Each structure stands twice: as structure tokens, then as C-alpha cells.
Amino acid sequence: MGTRTFCNCQAQAELSRAELAPGLPVQQCEACGGVLLGMPDYRLWRERAVSTDVAGQDAFEVSDSAAARACPGCTRLMQRYRVGVTPDFRVDHCPSCQLVWLDKGEWQGLAQAGLATRLSEVVSVAWQRRVQSDELRARREAGLRSKHGDACIDELKRVREWLDAQPKREELIALLRAGW
């Protein structure tokens, strides 16, 4: 990231050198608060990171952009990757340049969720499949809660957790089905 780069926010400001966490260099837009992070720099930092608590617990607000952004390095559209169902925001990644754009507050969101040292995973296909699966499961549970009520679903979850811990789980389920 040695050449001059500019943010594609409304101000079109030149990105300046900054440090996202101790020893983690980035380029920052003073106008919108977003940062451009090189994945090679991130991987070096992650190898040296002692703690995943890289940000304070202060209140913050994530300013997640609504649309894909052009990569400040090559101008191609960056891919958007969901961090999770909770926290629910997206980071932008350019696979060809190996750059990640973090909107204002997104680094703090990653850190608070314990994901600051897992950014490489967040921008992977496997992580995105898991987020989709988690979202589908959450929607299904919300529908079941609407249909059967919170108390019923909470009790079913408790019973399922208990059954999962039993060595003869299948036998116990068969007894329940047979009305023993």
C-alpha cells in the first residue's frame, strides 16, 4: 500500500497512515472514519497478537455501508462478507489486492465479538456458509417460538441438550416415541 490511495466516500479524501491496533498499520479516511487494511499486514499482526482484546469496551456505532464499494487499490468491486448474525454487519474484501475495508466502528465490533484475530476466517466461504446456516436456524427458531411460545421452545432446548449428553441418546428417544 505504498501508492497514494483515496477513499470513495463522499469526500474522496486521501487515505493517511494510522494504526488500528498496536502494531497493525492501516490507511484511514479522516472524513468517514473507514480504514483500509492489508491482509499481509493483518496476518503478521495476528501472529504477534498476545490478546484478542484489541479495543476497549466503550460504546461504539458501526457505520456499515449499504452497498459494495470499489477497492481503493484496484477499483474493482469488493466482496461483502457478513461477520455474523450477531454482530450483523459486513466487511468488504478485495481478493485480488488482499485488502479489507472496515467502515467506522467495524473493527471495534470485531474486537468486541472476539473476532479481531479471526478476520481471515470471516472473509472465507466456510464462515459465510456458517453465518447463513446460523441465520436460517435463528429464523426457524423465531417461527417456532411464535407458533409454540417461548416457554415450550426453551423446554425443548433444555431436553435436547440433556439428550445430547446421554450415552444412550437414541434408545431414550425411541422410548419417548413409543410412549414407553
C-alpha atoms as a PDB file:
ATOM      1  CA  MET A   1       0.000   0.000   0.000  1.00  0.00           C
ATOM      2  CA  GLY A   2       2.854   2.370  -0.882  1.00  0.00           C
ATOM      3  CA  THR A   3       0.988   4.409  -3.519  1.00  0.00           C
ATOM      4  CA  ARG A   4      -1.461   7.183  -2.756  1.00  0.00           C
ATOM      5  CA  THR A   5      -4.953   5.844  -2.247  1.00  0.00           C
ATOM      6  CA  PHE A   6      -8.245   7.634  -1.904  1.00  0.00           C
ATOM      7  CA  CYS A   7     -11.488   6.763  -0.188  1.00  0.00           C
ATOM      8  CA  ASN A   8     -14.564   6.508  -2.338  1.00  0.00           C
ATOM      9  CA  CYS A   9     -16.719   8.160   0.310  1.00  0.00           C
ATOM     10  CA  GLN A  10     -18.441  11.443  -0.491  1.00  0.00           C
ATOM     11  CA  ALA A  11     -15.324  13.436   0.480  1.00  0.00           C
ATOM     12  CA  GLN A  12     -12.980  11.406  -1.794  1.00  0.00           C
ATOM     13  CA  ALA A  13     -10.284  12.006   0.848  1.00  0.00           C
ATOM     14  CA  GLU A  14      -6.740  10.717   0.577  1.00  0.00           C
ATOM     15  CA  LEU A  15      -6.081   7.872   2.997  1.00  0.00           C
ATOM     16  CA  SER A  16      -3.449   8.528   5.634  1.00  0.00           C
ATOM     17  CA  ARG A  17      -1.293   6.144   7.635  1.00  0.00           C
ATOM     18  CA  ALA A  18      -2.652   5.100  11.007  1.00  0.00           C
ATOM     19  CA  GLU A  19      -2.536   2.200  13.434  1.00  0.00           C
ATOM     20  CA  LEU A  20      -5.714   0.198  14.014  1.00  0.00           C
ATOM     21  CA  ALA A  21      -4.239  -1.644  16.999  1.00  0.00           C
ATOM     22  CA  PRO A  22      -0.704  -1.612  18.378  1.00  0.00           C
ATOM     23  CA  GLY A  23       1.497  -2.889  15.544  1.00  0.00           C
ATOM     24  CA  LEU A  24      -1.318  -3.067  12.962  1.00  0.00           C
ATOM     25  CA  PRO A  25      -0.797  -0.461  10.213  1.00  0.00           C
ATOM     26  CA  VAL A  26      -3.735   0.723   8.112  1.00  0.00           C
ATOM     27  CA  GLN A  27      -4.674   3.592   5.867  1.00  0.00           C
ATOM     28  CA  GLN A  28      -7.503   5.687   7.270  1.00  0.00           C
ATOM     29  CA  CYS A  29     -10.004   8.111   5.807  1.00  0.00           C
ATOM     30  CA  GLU A  30     -10.290  11.095   8.135  1.00  0.00           C
ATOM     31  CA  ALA A  31     -13.609  12.075   6.520  1.00  0.00           C
ATOM     32  CA  CYS A  32     -15.644   8.882   7.021  1.00  0.00           C
ATOM     33  CA  GLY A  33     -13.542   7.035   9.618  1.00  0.00           C
ATOM     34  CA  GLY A  34     -13.128   3.934   7.469  1.00  0.00           C
ATOM     35  CA  VAL A  35      -9.831   2.067   7.237  1.00  0.00           C
ATOM     36  CA  LEU A  36      -8.067   0.061   4.556  1.00  0.00           C
ATOM     37  CA  LEU A  37      -6.269  -2.955   5.930  1.00  0.00           C
ATOM     38  CA  GLY A  38      -3.780  -5.084   4.014  1.00  0.00           C
ATOM     39  CA  MET A  39      -4.255  -8.780   4.788  1.00  0.00           C
ATOM     40  CA  PRO A  40      -0.475  -9.456   4.768  1.00  0.00           C
ATOM     41  CA  ASP A  41      -0.054  -6.764   7.460  1.00  0.00           C
ATOM     42  CA  TYR A  42      -3.005  -8.247   9.350  1.00  0.00           C
ATOM     43  CA  ARG A  43      -1.548 -11.780   9.249  1.00  0.00           C
ATOM     44  CA  LEU A  44       1.791 -10.530  10.595  1.00  0.00           C
ATOM     45  CA  TRP A  45      -0.005  -8.655  13.374  1.00  0.00           C
ATOM     46  CA  ARG A  46      -2.174 -11.682  14.207  1.00  0.00           C
ATOM     47  CA  GLU A  47       0.896 -13.894  14.578  1.00  0.00           C
ATOM     48  CA  ARG A  48       2.303 -11.429  17.118  1.00  0.00           C
ATOM     49  CA  ALA A  49      -1.001 -10.587  18.842  1.00  0.00           C
ATOM     50  CA  VAL A  50      -0.909 -11.537  22.504  1.00  0.00           C
ATOM     51  CA  SER A  51      -4.527 -10.791  23.286  1.00  0.00           C
ATOM     52  CA  THR A  52      -7.742 -10.691  21.284  1.00  0.00           C
ATOM     53  CA  ASP A  53      -8.904  -7.753  23.409  1.00  0.00           C
ATOM     54  CA  VAL A  54      -7.662  -5.094  20.989  1.00  0.00           C
ATOM     55  CA  ALA A  55     -10.307  -2.471  21.655  1.00  0.00           C
ATOM     56  CA  GLY A  56     -11.882  -1.028  24.736  1.00  0.00           C
ATOM     57  CA  GLN A  57     -15.401  -1.824  25.824  1.00  0.00           C
ATOM     58  CA  ASP A  58     -16.566   1.725  25.132  1.00  0.00           C
ATOM     59  CA  ALA A  59     -19.851   2.188  23.316  1.00  0.00           C
ATOM     60  CA  PHE A  60     -19.447   2.497  19.567  1.00  0.00           C
ATOM     61  CA  GLU A  61     -21.606   2.590  16.492  1.00  0.00           C
ATOM     62  CA  VAL A  62     -20.960   0.600  13.338  1.00  0.00           C
ATOM     63  CA  SER A  63     -21.445   2.614  10.149  1.00  0.00           C
ATOM     64  CA  ASP A  64     -21.900  -0.275   7.736  1.00  0.00           C
ATOM     65  CA  SER A  65     -22.230   0.910   4.133  1.00  0.00           C
ATOM     66  CA  ALA A  66     -25.276  -0.358   2.288  1.00  0.00           C
ATOM     67  CA  ALA A  67     -23.595  -1.265  -0.997  1.00  0.00           C
ATOM     68  CA  ALA A  68     -20.407  -2.848  -2.246  1.00  0.00           C
ATOM     69  CA  ARG A  69     -17.562  -0.392  -2.560  1.00  0.00           C
ATOM     70  CA  ALA A  70     -14.852  -0.088  -5.154  1.00  0.00           C
ATOM     71  CA  CYS A  71     -11.465  -1.279  -3.947  1.00  0.00           C
ATOM     72  CA  PRO A  72      -9.199   1.712  -3.294  1.00  0.00           C
ATOM     73  CA  GLY A  73      -6.315  -0.384  -4.641  1.00  0.00           C
ATOM     74  CA  CYS A  74      -7.653  -1.639  -7.994  1.00  0.00           C
ATOM     75  CA  THR A  75     -11.163  -0.073  -8.310  1.00  0.00           C
ATOM     76  CA  ARG A  76     -12.859  -3.500  -8.687  1.00  0.00           C
ATOM     77  CA  LEU A  77     -15.939  -4.076  -6.587  1.00  0.00           C
ATOM     78  CA  MET A  78     -15.029  -5.547  -3.217  1.00  0.00           C
ATOM     79  CA  GLN A  79     -16.873  -8.620  -1.966  1.00  0.00           C
ATOM     80  CA  ARG A  80     -19.026  -8.132   1.124  1.00  0.00           C
ATOM     81  CA  TYR A  81     -18.746 -10.663   3.927  1.00  0.00           C
ATOM     82  CA  ARG A  82     -21.163 -10.902   6.838  1.00  0.00           C
ATOM     83  CA  VAL A  83     -19.492 -11.047  10.214  1.00  0.00           C
ATOM     84  CA  GLY A  84     -22.365 -12.960  11.777  1.00  0.00           C
ATOM     85  CA  VAL A  85     -25.993 -12.959  12.740  1.00  0.00           C
ATOM     86  CA  THR A  86     -24.811 -11.077  15.835  1.00  0.00           C
ATOM     87  CA  PRO A  87     -22.948  -8.829  15.267  1.00  0.00           C
ATOM     88  CA  ASP A  88     -24.735  -8.145  11.998  1.00  0.00           C
ATOM     89  CA  PHE A  89     -22.547  -6.081   9.707  1.00  0.00           C
ATOM     90  CA  ARG A  90     -20.386  -6.702   6.657  1.00  0.00           C
ATOM     91  CA  VAL A  91     -16.714  -6.154   5.903  1.00  0.00           C
ATOM     92  CA  ASP A  92     -15.526  -5.542   2.349  1.00  0.00           C
ATOM     93  CA  HIS A  93     -12.680  -7.642   0.912  1.00  0.00           C
ATOM     94  CA  CYS A  94     -10.814  -7.450  -2.388  1.00  0.00           C
ATOM     95  CA  PRO A  95      -9.484 -10.944  -3.102  1.00  0.00           C
ATOM     96  CA  SER A  96      -7.125  -9.757  -5.852  1.00  0.00           C
ATOM     97  CA  CYS A  97      -5.482  -6.968  -3.805  1.00  0.00           C
ATOM     98  CA  GLN A  98      -5.839  -8.722  -0.442  1.00  0.00           C
ATOM     99  CA  LEU A  99      -7.286  -5.550   1.062  1.00  0.00           C
ATOM    100  CA  VAL A 100     -10.128  -5.260   3.572  1.00  0.00           C
ATOM    101  CA  TRP A 101     -12.187  -2.124   4.060  1.00  0.00           C
ATOM    102  CA  LEU A 102     -13.622  -1.599   7.521  1.00  0.00           C
ATOM    103  CA  ASP A 103     -16.264   1.089   7.928  1.00  0.00           C
ATOM    104  CA  LYS A 104     -16.245   3.198  11.075  1.00  0.00           C
ATOM    105  CA  GLY A 105     -16.829   1.030  14.150  1.00  0.00           C
ATOM    106  CA  GLU A 106     -16.426  -2.318  12.397  1.00  0.00           C
ATOM    107  CA  TRP A 107     -13.010  -3.054  13.938  1.00  0.00           C
ATOM    108  CA  GLN A 108     -14.462  -2.351  17.376  1.00  0.00           C
ATOM    109  CA  GLY A 109     -17.386  -4.637  16.523  1.00  0.00           C
ATOM    110  CA  LEU A 110     -14.998  -7.424  15.528  1.00  0.00           C
ATOM    111  CA  ALA A 111     -12.952  -6.923  18.688  1.00  0.00           C
ATOM    112  CA  GLN A 112     -15.974  -6.853  20.964  1.00  0.00           C
ATOM    113  CA  ALA A 113     -17.268 -10.076  19.382  1.00  0.00           C
ATOM    114  CA  GLY A 114     -13.845 -11.702  19.907  1.00  0.00           C
ATOM    115  CA  LEU A 115     -13.256 -11.851  16.142  1.00  0.00           C
ATOM    116  CA  ALA A 116     -10.402  -9.371  15.706  1.00  0.00           C
ATOM    117  CA  THR A 117      -7.873 -12.188  15.320  1.00  0.00           C
ATOM    118  CA  ARG A 118     -10.240 -14.210  13.105  1.00  0.00           C
ATOM    119  CA  LEU A 119     -10.706 -11.772  10.212  1.00  0.00           C
ATOM    120  CA  SER A 120      -9.134 -14.260   7.766  1.00  0.00           C
ATOM    121  CA  GLU A 121     -11.873 -16.731   8.697  1.00  0.00           C
ATOM    122  CA  VAL A 122     -14.632 -14.116   8.426  1.00  0.00           C
ATOM    123  CA  VAL A 123     -13.701 -13.473   4.781  1.00  0.00           C
ATOM    124  CA  SER A 124     -13.824 -17.196   3.916  1.00  0.00           C
ATOM    125  CA  VAL A 125     -16.554 -19.160   2.142  1.00  0.00           C
ATOM    126  CA  ALA A 126     -16.811 -21.597   5.066  1.00  0.00           C
ATOM    127  CA  TRP A 127     -17.522 -18.742   7.513  1.00  0.00           C
ATOM    128  CA  GLN A 128     -20.175 -17.299   5.210  1.00  0.00           C
ATOM    129  CA  ARG A 129     -21.911 -20.692   4.949  1.00  0.00           C
ATOM    130  CA  ARG A 130     -21.959 -20.937   8.738  1.00  0.00           C
ATOM    131  CA  VAL A 131     -23.441 -17.432   9.043  1.00  0.00           C
ATOM    132  CA  GLN A 132     -26.183 -18.392   6.562  1.00  0.00           C
ATOM    133  CA  SER A 133     -26.855 -21.592   8.496  1.00  0.00           C
ATOM    134  CA  ASP A 134     -26.993 -19.687  11.795  1.00  0.00           C
ATOM    135  CA  GLU A 135     -29.391 -17.150  10.289  1.00  0.00           C
ATOM    136  CA  LEU A 136     -31.652 -19.896   8.928  1.00  0.00           C
ATOM    137  CA  ARG A 137     -31.642 -21.615  12.328  1.00  0.00           C
ATOM    138  CA  ALA A 138     -32.489 -18.321  14.078  1.00  0.00           C
ATOM    139  CA  ARG A 139     -35.393 -17.640  11.680  1.00  0.00           C
ATOM    140  CA  ARG A 140     -36.691 -21.183  12.164  1.00  0.00           C
ATOM    141  CA  GLU A 141     -36.483 -20.845  15.935  1.00  0.00           C
ATOM    142  CA  ALA A 142     -38.285 -17.487  15.810  1.00  0.00           C
ATOM    143  CA  GLY A 143     -41.098 -19.117  13.810  1.00  0.00           C
ATOM    144  CA  LEU A 144     -41.329 -21.995  16.278  1.00  0.00           C
ATOM    145  CA  ARG A 145     -41.370 -19.571  19.200  1.00  0.00           C
ATOM    146  CA  SER A 146     -44.179 -17.648  17.521  1.00  0.00           C
ATOM    147  CA  LYS A 147     -46.153 -20.846  16.968  1.00  0.00           C
ATOM    148  CA  HIS A 148     -45.499 -22.665  20.263  1.00  0.00           C
ATOM    149  CA  GLY A 149     -44.373 -19.951  22.688  1.00  0.00           C
ATOM    150  CA  ASP A 150     -41.058 -19.195  24.374  1.00  0.00           C
ATOM    151  CA  ALA A 151     -41.587 -21.474  27.374  1.00  0.00           C
ATOM    152  CA  CYS A 152     -42.226 -24.529  25.175  1.00  0.00           C
ATOM    153  CA  ILE A 153     -39.200 -23.929  22.933  1.00  0.00           C
ATOM    154  CA  ASP A 154     -36.957 -23.214  25.936  1.00  0.00           C
ATOM    155  CA  GLU A 155     -38.035 -26.515  27.491  1.00  0.00           C
ATOM    156  CA  LEU A 156     -37.421 -28.368  24.202  1.00  0.00           C
ATOM    157  CA  LYS A 157     -33.920 -26.856  24.034  1.00  0.00           C
ATOM    158  CA  ARG A 158     -33.227 -27.954  27.607  1.00  0.00           C
ATOM    159  CA  VAL A 159     -34.406 -31.511  26.867  1.00  0.00           C
ATOM    160  CA  ARG A 160     -32.378 -31.631  23.640  1.00  0.00           C
ATOM    161  CA  GLU A 161     -29.228 -30.519  25.456  1.00  0.00           C
ATOM    162  CA  TRP A 162     -29.849 -33.178  28.118  1.00  0.00           C
ATOM    163  CA  LEU A 163     -30.427 -35.865  25.471  1.00  0.00           C
ATOM    164  CA  ASP A 164     -27.269 -34.852  23.608  1.00  0.00           C
ATOM    165  CA  ALA A 165     -25.269 -35.548  26.776  1.00  0.00           C
ATOM    166  CA  GLN A 166     -26.706 -39.052  27.242  1.00  0.00           C
ATOM    167  CA  PRO A 167     -24.645 -42.065  26.094  1.00  0.00           C
ATOM    168  CA  LYS A 168     -27.798 -43.964  25.016  1.00  0.00           C
ATOM    169  CA  ARG A 169     -29.484 -41.000  23.360  1.00  0.00           C
ATOM    170  CA  GLU A 170     -31.136 -42.934  20.513  1.00  0.00           C
ATOM    171  CA  GLU A 171     -32.566 -45.518  22.904  1.00  0.00           C
ATOM    172  CA  LEU A 172     -34.086 -42.767  25.059  1.00  0.00           C
ATOM    173  CA  ILE A 173     -35.632 -41.071  22.003  1.00  0.00           C
ATOM    174  CA  ALA A 174     -37.087 -44.426  20.894  1.00  0.00           C
ATOM    175  CA  LEU A 175     -38.628 -44.841  24.370  1.00  0.00           C
ATOM    176  CA  LEU A 176     -40.231 -41.408  24.106  1.00  0.00           C
ATOM    177  CA  ARG A 177     -41.603 -42.149  20.635  1.00  0.00           C
ATOM    178  CA  ALA A 178     -43.006 -45.499  21.781  1.00  0.00           C
ATOM    179  CA  GLY A 179     -44.700 -43.847  24.742  1.00  0.00           C
ATOM    180  CA  TRP A 180     -42.748 -46.383  26.806  1.00  0.00           C
END
